[in-house]
Amino acid sequence: MKTRITWSLSRACGFGGWLLIGCMVVVGIVNILTAANEDKASPRDYVFVVAIVLVLLVLFVINVIGALVGFVELLRCRTRREVMQSCIALFLNVLPWIIVGTWTWMV
């Protein structure tokens, strides 16, 4: 069975989104630890909030492209294995937004 380029693109976008989330968490922890040792950390916090918003915007674009490509691939599937691969790719792209939405709702 050949792996289609659309499935690979959707999977790459999903992993890219998770990589952005991981980097955002690491940078956030570093920012919190360094801001705790400074007296005037408010300008740095403002820049960090802007950076988080920009990362979420990039994450949105990457995951929307990946989800759309994965959905198109799901419509083209013929076998059960292809359907499962497309569902995994869709899950990789949708799960970060489920987590962000749940976290926003809980906070």
PDB file of N, CA and C in Angstrom:
ATOM      1  N   MET A   1       0.839  -1.179   0.000  1.00  0.00           N
ATOM      2  CA  MET A   1       0.000   0.000   0.000  1.00  0.00           C
ATOM      3  C   MET A   1       0.884   1.243   0.000  1.00  0.00           C
ATOM      4  N   LYS A   2       0.561   2.199  -0.844  1.00  0.00           N
ATOM      5  CA  LYS A   2       1.319   3.437  -0.918  1.00  0.00           C
ATOM      6  C   LYS A   2       0.789   4.441   0.105  1.00  0.00           C
ATOM      7  N   THR A   3       1.689   5.219   0.666  1.00  0.00           N
ATOM      8  CA  THR A   3       1.285   6.311   1.535  1.00  0.00           C
ATOM      9  C   THR A   3       1.075   7.541   0.680  1.00  0.00           C
ATOM     10  N   ARG A   4      -0.090   8.110   0.778  1.00  0.00           N
ATOM     11  CA  ARG A   4      -0.410   9.280  -0.030  1.00  0.00           C
ATOM     12  C   ARG A   4       0.231  10.526   0.562  1.00  0.00           C
ATOM     13  N   ILE A   5       0.517  11.474  -0.306  1.00  0.00           N
ATOM     14  CA  ILE A   5       1.165  12.717   0.139  1.00  0.00           C
ATOM     15  C   ILE A   5       0.223  13.531   1.026  1.00  0.00           C
ATOM     16  N   THR A   6      -1.077  13.436   0.804  1.00  0.00           N
ATOM     17  CA  THR A   6      -2.011  14.201   1.631  1.00  0.00           C
ATOM     18  C   THR A   6      -2.018  13.691   3.068  1.00  0.00           C
ATOM     19  N   TRP A   7      -1.935  12.371   3.230  1.00  0.00           N
ATOM     20  CA  TRP A   7      -1.901  11.832   4.584  1.00  0.00           C
ATOM     21  C   TRP A   7      -0.602  12.231   5.285  1.00  0.00           C
ATOM     22  N   SER A   8       0.496  12.195   4.549  1.00  0.00           N
ATOM     23  CA  SER A   8       1.789  12.597   5.123  1.00  0.00           C
ATOM     24  C   SER A   8       1.785  14.076   5.489  1.00  0.00           C
ATOM     25  N   LEU A   9       1.175  14.923   4.650  1.00  0.00           N
ATOM     26  CA  LEU A   9       1.091  16.359   4.945  1.00  0.00           C
ATOM     27  C   LEU A   9       0.245  16.608   6.176  1.00  0.00           C
ATOM     28  N   SER A  10      -0.881  15.926   6.280  1.00  0.00           N
ATOM     29  CA  SER A  10      -1.746  16.097   7.442  1.00  0.00           C
ATOM     30  C   SER A  10      -1.047  15.634   8.715  1.00  0.00           C
ATOM     31  N   ARG A  11      -0.350  14.517   8.637  1.00  0.00           N
ATOM     32  CA  ARG A  11       0.385  14.012   9.799  1.00  0.00           C
ATOM     33  C   ARG A  11       1.512  14.971  10.187  1.00  0.00           C
ATOM     34  N   ALA A  12       2.211  15.524   9.202  1.00  0.00           N
ATOM     35  CA  ALA A  12       3.296  16.476   9.475  1.00  0.00           C
ATOM     36  C   ALA A  12       2.749  17.744  10.126  1.00  0.00           C
ATOM     37  N   CYS A  13       1.598  18.220   9.660  1.00  0.00           N
ATOM     38  CA  CYS A  13       0.986  19.400  10.290  1.00  0.00           C
ATOM     39  C   CYS A  13       0.578  19.100  11.728  1.00  0.00           C
ATOM     40  N   GLY A  14       0.068  17.895  11.979  1.00  0.00           N
ATOM     41  CA  GLY A  14      -0.306  17.516  13.341  1.00  0.00           C
ATOM     42  C   GLY A  14       0.892  17.471  14.270  1.00  0.00           C
ATOM     43  N   PHE A  15       1.981  16.843  13.809  1.00  0.00           N
ATOM     44  CA  PHE A  15       3.194  16.798  14.625  1.00  0.00           C
ATOM     45  C   PHE A  15       3.802  18.185  14.795  1.00  0.00           C
ATOM     46  N   GLY A  16       3.714  19.020  13.752  1.00  0.00           N
ATOM     47  CA  GLY A  16       4.209  20.399  13.853  1.00  0.00           C
ATOM     48  C   GLY A  16       3.447  21.193  14.896  1.00  0.00           C
ATOM     49  N   GLY A  17       2.144  20.984  14.963  1.00  0.00           N
ATOM     50  CA  GLY A  17       1.340  21.655  15.984  1.00  0.00           C
ATOM     51  C   GLY A  17       1.722  21.226  17.382  1.00  0.00           C
ATOM     52  N   TRP A  18       1.943  19.922  17.550  1.00  0.00           N
ATOM     53  CA  TRP A  18       2.361  19.440  18.863  1.00  0.00           C
ATOM     54  C   TRP A  18       3.762  19.940  19.223  1.00  0.00           C
ATOM     55  N   LEU A  19       4.623  20.081  18.241  1.00  0.00           N
ATOM     56  CA  LEU A  19       5.955  20.633  18.482  1.00  0.00           C
ATOM     57  C   LEU A  19       5.860  22.089  18.932  1.00  0.00           C
ATOM     58  N   LEU A  20       4.970  22.865  18.301  1.00  0.00           N
ATOM     59  CA  LEU A  20       4.760  24.252  18.734  1.00  0.00           C
ATOM     60  C   LEU A  20       4.246  24.317  20.167  1.00  0.00           C
ATOM     61  N   ILE A  21       3.337  23.435  20.519  1.00  0.00           N
ATOM     62  CA  ILE A  21       2.815  23.419  21.886  1.00  0.00           C
ATOM     63  C   ILE A  21       3.926  23.077  22.878  1.00  0.00           C
ATOM     64  N   GLY A  22       4.743  22.095  22.537  1.00  0.00           N
ATOM     65  CA  GLY A  22       5.860  21.726  23.422  1.00  0.00           C
ATOM     66  C   GLY A  22       6.843  22.868  23.602  1.00  0.00           C
ATOM     67  N   CYS A  23       7.178  23.545  22.516  1.00  0.00           N
ATOM     68  CA  CYS A  23       8.095  24.693  22.605  1.00  0.00           C
ATOM     69  C   CYS A  23       7.483  25.816  23.423  1.00  0.00           C
ATOM     70  N   MET A  24       6.174  26.040  23.263  1.00  0.00           N
ATOM     71  CA  MET A  24       5.512  27.096  24.014  1.00  0.00           C
ATOM     72  C   MET A  24       5.531  26.785  25.512  1.00  0.00           C
ATOM     73  N   VAL A  25       5.363  25.530  25.873  1.00  0.00           N
ATOM     74  CA  VAL A  25       5.400  25.146  27.285  1.00  0.00           C
ATOM     75  C   VAL A  25       6.797  25.350  27.860  1.00  0.00           C
ATOM     76  N   VAL A  26       7.826  24.925  27.128  1.00  0.00           N
ATOM     77  CA  VAL A  26       9.199  25.075  27.609  1.00  0.00           C
ATOM     78  C   VAL A  26       9.562  26.545  27.760  1.00  0.00           C
ATOM     79  N   VAL A  27       9.235  27.359  26.760  1.00  0.00           N
ATOM     80  CA  VAL A  27       9.547  28.792  26.839  1.00  0.00           C
ATOM     81  C   VAL A  27       8.757  29.450  27.962  1.00  0.00           C
ATOM     82  N   GLY A  28       7.529  29.008  28.183  1.00  0.00           N
ATOM     83  CA  GLY A  28       6.730  29.546  29.288  1.00  0.00           C
ATOM     84  C   GLY A  28       7.335  29.244  30.644  1.00  0.00           C
ATOM     85  N   ILE A  29       7.830  28.031  30.813  1.00  0.00           N
ATOM     86  CA  ILE A  29       8.465  27.665  32.081  1.00  0.00           C
ATOM     87  C   ILE A  29       9.743  28.470  32.292  1.00  0.00           C
ATOM     88  N   VAL A  30      10.533  28.617  31.240  1.00  0.00           N
ATOM     89  CA  VAL A  30      11.759  29.425  31.348  1.00  0.00           C
ATOM     90  C   VAL A  30      11.416  30.866  31.672  1.00  0.00           C
ATOM     91  N   ASN A  31      10.373  31.404  31.039  1.00  0.00           N
ATOM     92  CA  ASN A  31       9.968  32.787  31.305  1.00  0.00           C
ATOM     93  C   ASN A  31       9.496  32.961  32.743  1.00  0.00           C
ATOM     94  N   ILE A  32       8.749  32.013  33.255  1.00  0.00           N
ATOM     95  CA  ILE A  32       8.271  32.100  34.640  1.00  0.00           C
ATOM     96  C   ILE A  32       9.441  32.040  35.612  1.00  0.00           C
ATOM     97  N   LEU A  33      10.386  31.150  35.352  1.00  0.00           N
ATOM     98  CA  LEU A  33      11.528  31.030  36.263  1.00  0.00           C
ATOM     99  C   LEU A  33      12.419  32.268  36.230  1.00  0.00           C
ATOM    100  N   THR A  34      12.631  32.860  35.062  1.00  0.00           N
ATOM    101  CA  THR A  34      13.473  34.063  35.002  1.00  0.00           C
ATOM    102  C   THR A  34      12.731  35.298  35.495  1.00  0.00           C
ATOM    103  N   ALA A  35      11.421  35.363  35.300  1.00  0.00           N
ATOM    104  CA  ALA A  35      10.660  36.521  35.775  1.00  0.00           C
ATOM    105  C   ALA A  35      10.536  36.525  37.288  1.00  0.00           C
ATOM    106  N   ALA A  36      10.616  35.360  37.902  1.00  0.00           N
ATOM    107  CA  ALA A  36      10.529  35.280  39.356  1.00  0.00           C
ATOM    108  C   ALA A  36      11.763  35.896  40.015  1.00  0.00           C
ATOM    109  N   ASN A  37      12.872  35.987  39.273  1.00  0.00           N
ATOM    110  CA  ASN A  37      14.099  36.530  39.829  1.00  0.00           C
ATOM    111  C   ASN A  37      14.312  38.004  39.486  1.00  0.00           C
ATOM    112  N   GLU A  38      13.384  38.618  38.754  1.00  0.00           N
ATOM    113  CA  GLU A  38      13.534  40.019  38.358  1.00  0.00           C
ATOM    114  C   GLU A  38      12.528  40.886  39.094  1.00  0.00           C
ATOM    115  N   ASP A  39      12.884  42.157  39.268  1.00  0.00           N
ATOM    116  CA  ASP A  39      11.979  43.074  39.953  1.00  0.00           C
ATOM    117  C   ASP A  39      10.909  43.630  39.014  1.00  0.00           C
ATOM    118  N   LYS A  40      11.311  44.044  37.819  1.00  0.00           N
ATOM    119  CA  LYS A  40      10.370  44.660  36.882  1.00  0.00           C
ATOM    120  C   LYS A  40      10.198  43.745  35.667  1.00  0.00           C
ATOM    121  N   ALA A  41       9.336  42.758  35.808  1.00  0.00           N
ATOM    122  CA  ALA A  41       9.160  41.760  34.752  1.00  0.00           C
ATOM    123  C   ALA A  41       7.923  42.011  33.903  1.00  0.00           C
ATOM    124  N   SER A  42       7.183  43.115  34.151  1.00  0.00           N
ATOM    125  CA  SER A  42       5.936  43.331  33.415  1.00  0.00           C
ATOM    126  C   SER A  42       6.131  43.554  31.917  1.00  0.00           C
ATOM    127  N   PRO A  43       7.160  44.305  31.438  1.00  0.00           N
ATOM    128  CA  PRO A  43       7.326  44.394  29.981  1.00  0.00           C
ATOM    129  C   PRO A  43       7.639  43.037  29.353  1.00  0.00           C
ATOM    130  N   ARG A  44       8.399  42.231  30.051  1.00  0.00           N
ATOM    131  CA  ARG A  44       8.722  40.902  29.549  1.00  0.00           C
ATOM    132  C   ARG A  44       7.470  40.027  29.502  1.00  0.00           C
ATOM    133  N   ASP A  45       6.588  40.142  30.493  1.00  0.00           N
ATOM    134  CA  ASP A  45       5.353  39.381  30.505  1.00  0.00           C
ATOM    135  C   ASP A  45       4.447  39.791  29.348  1.00  0.00           C
ATOM    136  N   TYR A  46       4.415  41.082  29.031  1.00  0.00           N
ATOM    137  CA  TYR A  46       3.596  41.563  27.922  1.00  0.00           C
ATOM    138  C   TYR A  46       4.079  40.969  26.599  1.00  0.00           C
ATOM    139  N   VAL A  47       5.384  40.954  26.381  1.00  0.00           N
ATOM    140  CA  VAL A  47       5.947  40.377  25.161  1.00  0.00           C
ATOM    141  C   VAL A  47       5.663  38.883  25.115  1.00  0.00           C
ATOM    142  N   PHE A  48       5.717  38.215  26.244  1.00  0.00           N
ATOM    143  CA  PHE A  48       5.431  36.779  26.287  1.00  0.00           C
ATOM    144  C   PHE A  48       3.978  36.492  25.925  1.00  0.00           C
ATOM    145  N   VAL A  49       3.049  37.322  26.388  1.00  0.00           N
ATOM    146  CA  VAL A  49       1.631  37.134  26.048  1.00  0.00           C
ATOM    147  C   VAL A  49       1.419  37.339  24.552  1.00  0.00           C
ATOM    148  N   VAL A  50       2.066  38.346  23.973  1.00  0.00           N
ATOM    149  CA  VAL A  50       1.970  38.565  22.528  1.00  0.00           C
ATOM    150  C   VAL A  50       2.549  37.364  21.775  1.00  0.00           C
ATOM    151  N   ALA A  51       3.646  36.818  22.261  1.00  0.00           N
ATOM    152  CA  ALA A  51       4.253  35.647  21.621  1.00  0.00           C
ATOM    153  C   ALA A  51       3.325  34.440  21.700  1.00  0.00           C
ATOM    154  N   ILE A  52       2.642  34.257  22.822  1.00  0.00           N
ATOM    155  CA  ILE A  52       1.692  33.152  22.951  1.00  0.00           C
ATOM    156  C   ILE A  52       0.553  33.309  21.944  1.00  0.00           C
ATOM    157  N   VAL A  53       0.047  34.522  21.795  1.00  0.00           N
ATOM    158  CA  VAL A  53      -1.035  34.764  20.834  1.00  0.00           C
ATOM    159  C   VAL A  53      -0.566  34.471  19.409  1.00  0.00           C
ATOM    160  N   LEU A  54       0.634  34.876  19.073  1.00  0.00           N
ATOM    161  CA  LEU A  54       1.158  34.600  17.730  1.00  0.00           C
ATOM    162  C   LEU A  54       1.368  33.101  17.504  1.00  0.00           C
ATOM    163  N   VAL A  55       1.864  32.394  18.515  1.00  0.00           N
ATOM    164  CA  VAL A  55       2.052  30.951  18.386  1.00  0.00           C
ATOM    165  C   VAL A  55       0.700  30.252  18.225  1.00  0.00           C
ATOM    166  N   LEU A  56      -0.312  30.693  18.966  1.00  0.00           N
ATOM    167  CA  LEU A  56      -1.634  30.099  18.806  1.00  0.00           C
ATOM    168  C   LEU A  56      -2.212  30.381  17.424  1.00  0.00           C
ATOM    169  N   LEU A  57      -1.922  31.542  16.863  1.00  0.00           N
ATOM    170  CA  LEU A  57      -2.368  31.852  15.501  1.00  0.00           C
ATOM    171  C   LEU A  57      -1.689  30.937  14.485  1.00  0.00           C
ATOM    172  N   VAL A  58      -0.378  30.754  14.624  1.00  0.00           N
ATOM    173  CA  VAL A  58       0.354  29.843  13.731  1.00  0.00           C
ATOM    174  C   VAL A  58      -0.148  28.411  13.921  1.00  0.00           C
ATOM    175  N   LEU A  59      -0.384  28.025  15.163  1.00  0.00           N
ATOM    176  CA  LEU A  59      -0.907  26.692  15.451  1.00  0.00           C
ATOM    177  C   LEU A  59      -2.271  26.492  14.791  1.00  0.00           C
ATOM    178  N   PHE A  60      -3.112  27.510  14.837  1.00  0.00           N
ATOM    179  CA  PHE A  60      -4.430  27.439  14.206  1.00  0.00           C
ATOM    180  C   PHE A  60      -4.302  27.217  12.705  1.00  0.00           C
ATOM    181  N   VAL A  61      -3.428  27.988  12.065  1.00  0.00           N
ATOM    182  CA  VAL A  61      -3.250  27.862  10.617  1.00  0.00           C
ATOM    183  C   VAL A  61      -2.723  26.474  10.260  1.00  0.00           C
ATOM    184  N   ILE A  62      -1.700  26.018  10.987  1.00  0.00           N
ATOM    185  CA  ILE A  62      -1.126  24.705  10.702  1.00  0.00           C
ATOM    186  C   ILE A  62      -2.164  23.599  10.892  1.00  0.00           C
ATOM    187  N   ASN A  63      -2.909  23.660  11.995  1.00  0.00           N
ATOM    188  CA  ASN A  63      -3.867  22.591  12.263  1.00  0.00           C
ATOM    189  C   ASN A  63      -5.086  22.641  11.351  1.00  0.00           C
ATOM    190  N   VAL A  64      -5.499  23.818  10.922  1.00  0.00           N
ATOM    191  CA  VAL A  64      -6.618  23.891   9.977  1.00  0.00           C
ATOM    192  C   VAL A  64      -6.208  23.301   8.633  1.00  0.00           C
ATOM    193  N   ILE A  65      -5.026  23.637   8.163  1.00  0.00           N
ATOM    194  CA  ILE A  65      -4.541  23.058   6.909  1.00  0.00           C
ATOM    195  C   ILE A  65      -4.433  21.540   7.040  1.00  0.00           C
ATOM    196  N   GLY A  66      -3.848  21.076   8.128  1.00  0.00           N
ATOM    197  CA  GLY A  66      -3.708  19.640   8.342  1.00  0.00           C
ATOM    198  C   GLY A  66      -5.044  18.927   8.452  1.00  0.00           C
ATOM    199  N   ALA A  67      -6.004  19.538   9.149  1.00  0.00           N
ATOM    200  CA  ALA A  67      -7.322  18.911   9.297  1.00  0.00           C
ATOM    201  C   ALA A  67      -8.074  18.877   7.970  1.00  0.00           C
ATOM    202  N   LEU A  68      -7.997  19.946   7.201  1.00  0.00           N
ATOM    203  CA  LEU A  68      -8.664  19.958   5.897  1.00  0.00           C
ATOM    204  C   LEU A  68      -8.068  18.908   4.962  1.00  0.00           C
ATOM    205  N   VAL A  69      -6.755  18.826   4.932  1.00  0.00           N
ATOM    206  CA  VAL A  69      -6.102  17.828   4.086  1.00  0.00           C
ATOM    207  C   VAL A  69      -6.447  16.422   4.577  1.00  0.00           C
ATOM    208  N   GLY A  70      -6.478  16.222   5.889  1.00  0.00           N
ATOM    209  CA  GLY A  70      -6.840  14.918   6.439  1.00  0.00           C
ATOM    210  C   GLY A  70      -8.285  14.547   6.137  1.00  0.00           C
ATOM    211  N   PHE A  71      -9.171  15.538   6.156  1.00  0.00           N
ATOM    212  CA  PHE A  71     -10.569  15.264   5.834  1.00  0.00           C
ATOM    213  C   PHE A  71     -10.741  14.899   4.364  1.00  0.00           C
ATOM    214  N   VAL A  72     -10.025  15.614   3.492  1.00  0.00           N
ATOM    215  CA  VAL A  72     -10.065  15.267   2.071  1.00  0.00           C
ATOM    216  C   VAL A  72      -9.534  13.857   1.866  1.00  0.00           C
ATOM    217  N   GLU A  73      -8.482  13.517   2.573  1.00  0.00           N
ATOM    218  CA  GLU A  73      -7.917  12.174   2.469  1.00  0.00           C
ATOM    219  C   GLU A  73      -8.913  11.137   2.991  1.00  0.00           C
ATOM    220  N   LEU A  74      -9.656  11.476   4.038  1.00  0.00           N
ATOM    221  CA  LEU A  74     -10.652  10.555   4.580  1.00  0.00           C
ATOM    222  C   LEU A  74     -11.739  10.261   3.552  1.00  0.00           C
ATOM    223  N   LEU A  75     -12.103  11.253   2.759  1.00  0.00           N
ATOM    224  CA  LEU A  75     -13.108  11.047   1.722  1.00  0.00           C
ATOM    225  C   LEU A  75     -12.604  10.166   0.582  1.00  0.00           C
ATOM    226  N   ARG A  76     -11.293  10.109   0.390  1.00  0.00           N
ATOM    227  CA  ARG A  76     -10.711   9.332  -0.699  1.00  0.00           C
ATOM    228  C   ARG A  76     -10.358   7.902  -0.300  1.00  0.00           C
ATOM    229  N   CYS A  77     -10.531   7.540   0.958  1.00  0.00           N
ATOM    230  CA  CYS A  77     -10.100   6.228   1.457  1.00  0.00           C
ATOM    231  C   CYS A  77     -10.959   5.110   0.901  1.00  0.00           C
ATOM    232  N   ARG A  78     -10.310   3.968   0.701  1.00  0.00           N
ATOM    233  CA  ARG A  78     -11.005   2.785   0.180  1.00  0.00           C
ATOM    234  C   ARG A  78     -10.977   1.621   1.170  1.00  0.00           C
ATOM    235  N   THR A  79      -9.928   1.527   1.965  1.00  0.00           N
ATOM    236  CA  THR A  79      -9.813   0.398   2.886  1.00  0.00           C
ATOM    237  C   THR A  79      -9.926   0.877   4.330  1.00  0.00           C
ATOM    238  N   ARG A  80     -10.122  -0.083   5.220  1.00  0.00           N
ATOM    239  CA  ARG A  80     -10.238   0.251   6.647  1.00  0.00           C
ATOM    240  C   ARG A  80      -8.930   0.835   7.177  1.00  0.00           C
ATOM    241  N   ARG A  81      -7.806   0.324   6.714  1.00  0.00           N
ATOM    242  CA  ARG A  81      -6.501   0.817   7.157  1.00  0.00           C
ATOM    243  C   ARG A  81      -6.296   2.284   6.754  1.00  0.00           C
ATOM    244  N   GLU A  82      -6.697   2.647   5.546  1.00  0.00           N
ATOM    245  CA  GLU A  82      -6.581   4.034   5.099  1.00  0.00           C
ATOM    246  C   GLU A  82      -7.490   4.951   5.915  1.00  0.00           C
ATOM    247  N   VAL A  83      -8.683   4.456   6.250  1.00  0.00           N
ATOM    248  CA  VAL A  83      -9.604   5.246   7.076  1.00  0.00           C
ATOM    249  C   VAL A  83      -8.992   5.484   8.449  1.00  0.00           C
ATOM    250  N   MET A  84      -8.392   4.463   9.037  1.00  0.00           N
ATOM    251  CA  MET A  84      -7.779   4.611  10.357  1.00  0.00           C
ATOM    252  C   MET A  84      -6.602   5.581  10.318  1.00  0.00           C
ATOM    253  N   GLN A  85      -5.780   5.521   9.277  1.00  0.00           N
ATOM    254  CA  GLN A  85      -4.659   6.454   9.150  1.00  0.00           C
ATOM    255  C   GLN A  85      -5.161   7.895   9.017  1.00  0.00           C
ATOM    256  N   SER A  86      -6.208   8.091   8.258  1.00  0.00           N
ATOM    257  CA  SER A  86      -6.761   9.438   8.101  1.00  0.00           C
ATOM    258  C   SER A  86      -7.380   9.941   9.402  1.00  0.00           C
ATOM    259  N   CYS A  87      -8.031   9.045  10.134  1.00  0.00           N
ATOM    260  CA  CYS A  87      -8.602   9.445  11.425  1.00  0.00           C
ATOM    261  C   CYS A  87      -7.512   9.813  12.429  1.00  0.00           C
ATOM    262  N   ILE A  88      -6.404   9.091  12.405  1.00  0.00           N
ATOM    263  CA  ILE A  88      -5.279   9.430  13.284  1.00  0.00           C
ATOM    264  C   ILE A  88      -4.721  10.806  12.923  1.00  0.00           C
ATOM    265  N   ALA A  89      -4.583  11.075  11.630  1.00  0.00           N
ATOM    266  CA  ALA A  89      -4.088  12.386  11.198  1.00  0.00           C
ATOM    267  C   ALA A  89      -5.055  13.493  11.609  1.00  0.00           C
ATOM    268  N   LEU A  90      -6.352  13.259  11.462  1.00  0.00           N
ATOM    269  CA  LEU A  90      -7.339  14.254  11.905  1.00  0.00           C
ATOM    270  C   LEU A  90      -7.266  14.453  13.419  1.00  0.00           C
ATOM    271  N   PHE A  91      -7.108  13.373  14.150  1.00  0.00           N
ATOM    272  CA  PHE A  91      -7.020  13.442  15.605  1.00  0.00           C
ATOM    273  C   PHE A  91      -5.795  14.253  16.038  1.00  0.00           C
ATOM    274  N   LEU A  92      -4.668  14.059  15.353  1.00  0.00           N
ATOM    275  CA  LEU A  92      -3.460  14.829  15.667  1.00  0.00           C
ATOM    276  C   LEU A  92      -3.679  16.322  15.473  1.00  0.00           C
ATOM    277  N   ASN A  93      -4.491  16.701  14.493  1.00  0.00           N
ATOM    278  CA  ASN A  93      -4.719  18.104  14.201  1.00  0.00           C
ATOM    279  C   ASN A  93      -5.819  18.733  15.056  1.00  0.00           C
ATOM    280  N   VAL A  94      -6.764  17.948  15.515  1.00  0.00           N
ATOM    281  CA  VAL A  94      -7.892  18.492  16.266  1.00  0.00           C
ATOM    282  C   VAL A  94      -7.638  18.477  17.775  1.00  0.00           C
ATOM    283  N   LEU A  95      -6.883  17.502  18.254  1.00  0.00           N
ATOM    284  CA  LEU A  95      -6.669  17.360  19.692  1.00  0.00           C
ATOM    285  C   LEU A  95      -6.049  18.582  20.368  1.00  0.00           C
ATOM    286  N   PRO A  96      -5.074  19.282  19.769  1.00  0.00           N
ATOM    287  CA  PRO A  96      -4.566  20.479  20.455  1.00  0.00           C
ATOM    288  C   PRO A  96      -5.647  21.514  20.732  1.00  0.00           C
ATOM    289  N   TRP A  97      -6.588  21.662  19.818  1.00  0.00           N
ATOM    290  CA  TRP A  97      -7.650  22.646  20.026  1.00  0.00           C
ATOM    291  C   TRP A  97      -8.681  22.156  21.022  1.00  0.00           C
ATOM    292  N   ILE A  98      -8.853  20.861  21.136  1.00  0.00           N
ATOM    293  CA  ILE A  98      -9.718  20.328  22.189  1.00  0.00           C
ATOM    294  C   ILE A  98      -9.088  20.614  23.551  1.00  0.00           C
ATOM    295  N   ILE A  99      -7.783  20.427  23.649  1.00  0.00           N
ATOM    296  CA  ILE A  99      -7.073  20.692  24.900  1.00  0.00           C
ATOM    297  C   ILE A  99      -7.117  22.178  25.238  1.00  0.00           C
ATOM    298  N   VAL A 100      -6.852  23.045  24.263  1.00  0.00           N
ATOM    299  CA  VAL A 100      -6.873  24.492  24.496  1.00  0.00           C
ATOM    300  C   VAL A 100      -8.284  24.942  24.886  1.00  0.00           C
ATOM    301  N   GLY A 101      -9.306  24.413  24.219  1.00  0.00           N
ATOM    302  CA  GLY A 101     -10.679  24.775  24.558  1.00  0.00           C
ATOM    303  C   GLY A 101     -11.079  24.310  25.941  1.00  0.00           C
ATOM    304  N   THR A 102     -10.673  23.098  26.308  1.00  0.00           N
ATOM    305  CA  THR A 102     -10.971  22.575  27.640  1.00  0.00           C
ATOM    306  C   THR A 102     -10.251  23.380  28.705  1.00  0.00           C
ATOM    307  N   TRP A 103      -8.989  23.720  28.451  1.00  0.00           N
ATOM    308  CA  TRP A 103      -8.228  24.514  29.425  1.00  0.00           C
ATOM    309  C   TRP A 103      -8.850  25.893  29.588  1.00  0.00           C
ATOM    310  N   THR A 104      -9.263  26.511  28.489  1.00  0.00           N
ATOM    311  CA  THR A 104      -9.898  27.830  28.553  1.00  0.00           C
ATOM    312  C   THR A 104     -11.224  27.755  29.321  1.00  0.00           C
ATOM    313  N   TRP A 105     -11.982  26.701  29.096  1.00  0.00           N
ATOM    314  CA  TRP A 105     -13.250  26.538  29.783  1.00  0.00           C
ATOM    315  C   TRP A 105     -13.035  26.318  31.279  1.00  0.00           C
ATOM    316  N   MET A 106     -11.989  25.591  31.648  1.00  0.00           N
ATOM    317  CA  MET A 106     -11.724  25.296  33.050  1.00  0.00           C
ATOM    318  C   MET A 106     -11.175  26.506  33.799  1.00  0.00           C
ATOM    319  N   VAL A 107     -10.436  27.360  33.110  1.00  0.00           N
ATOM    320  CA  VAL A 107      -9.852  28.532  33.766  1.00  0.00           C
ATOM    321  C   VAL A 107     -10.881  29.610  33.768  1.00  0.00           C
TER     322      VAL A 107
END
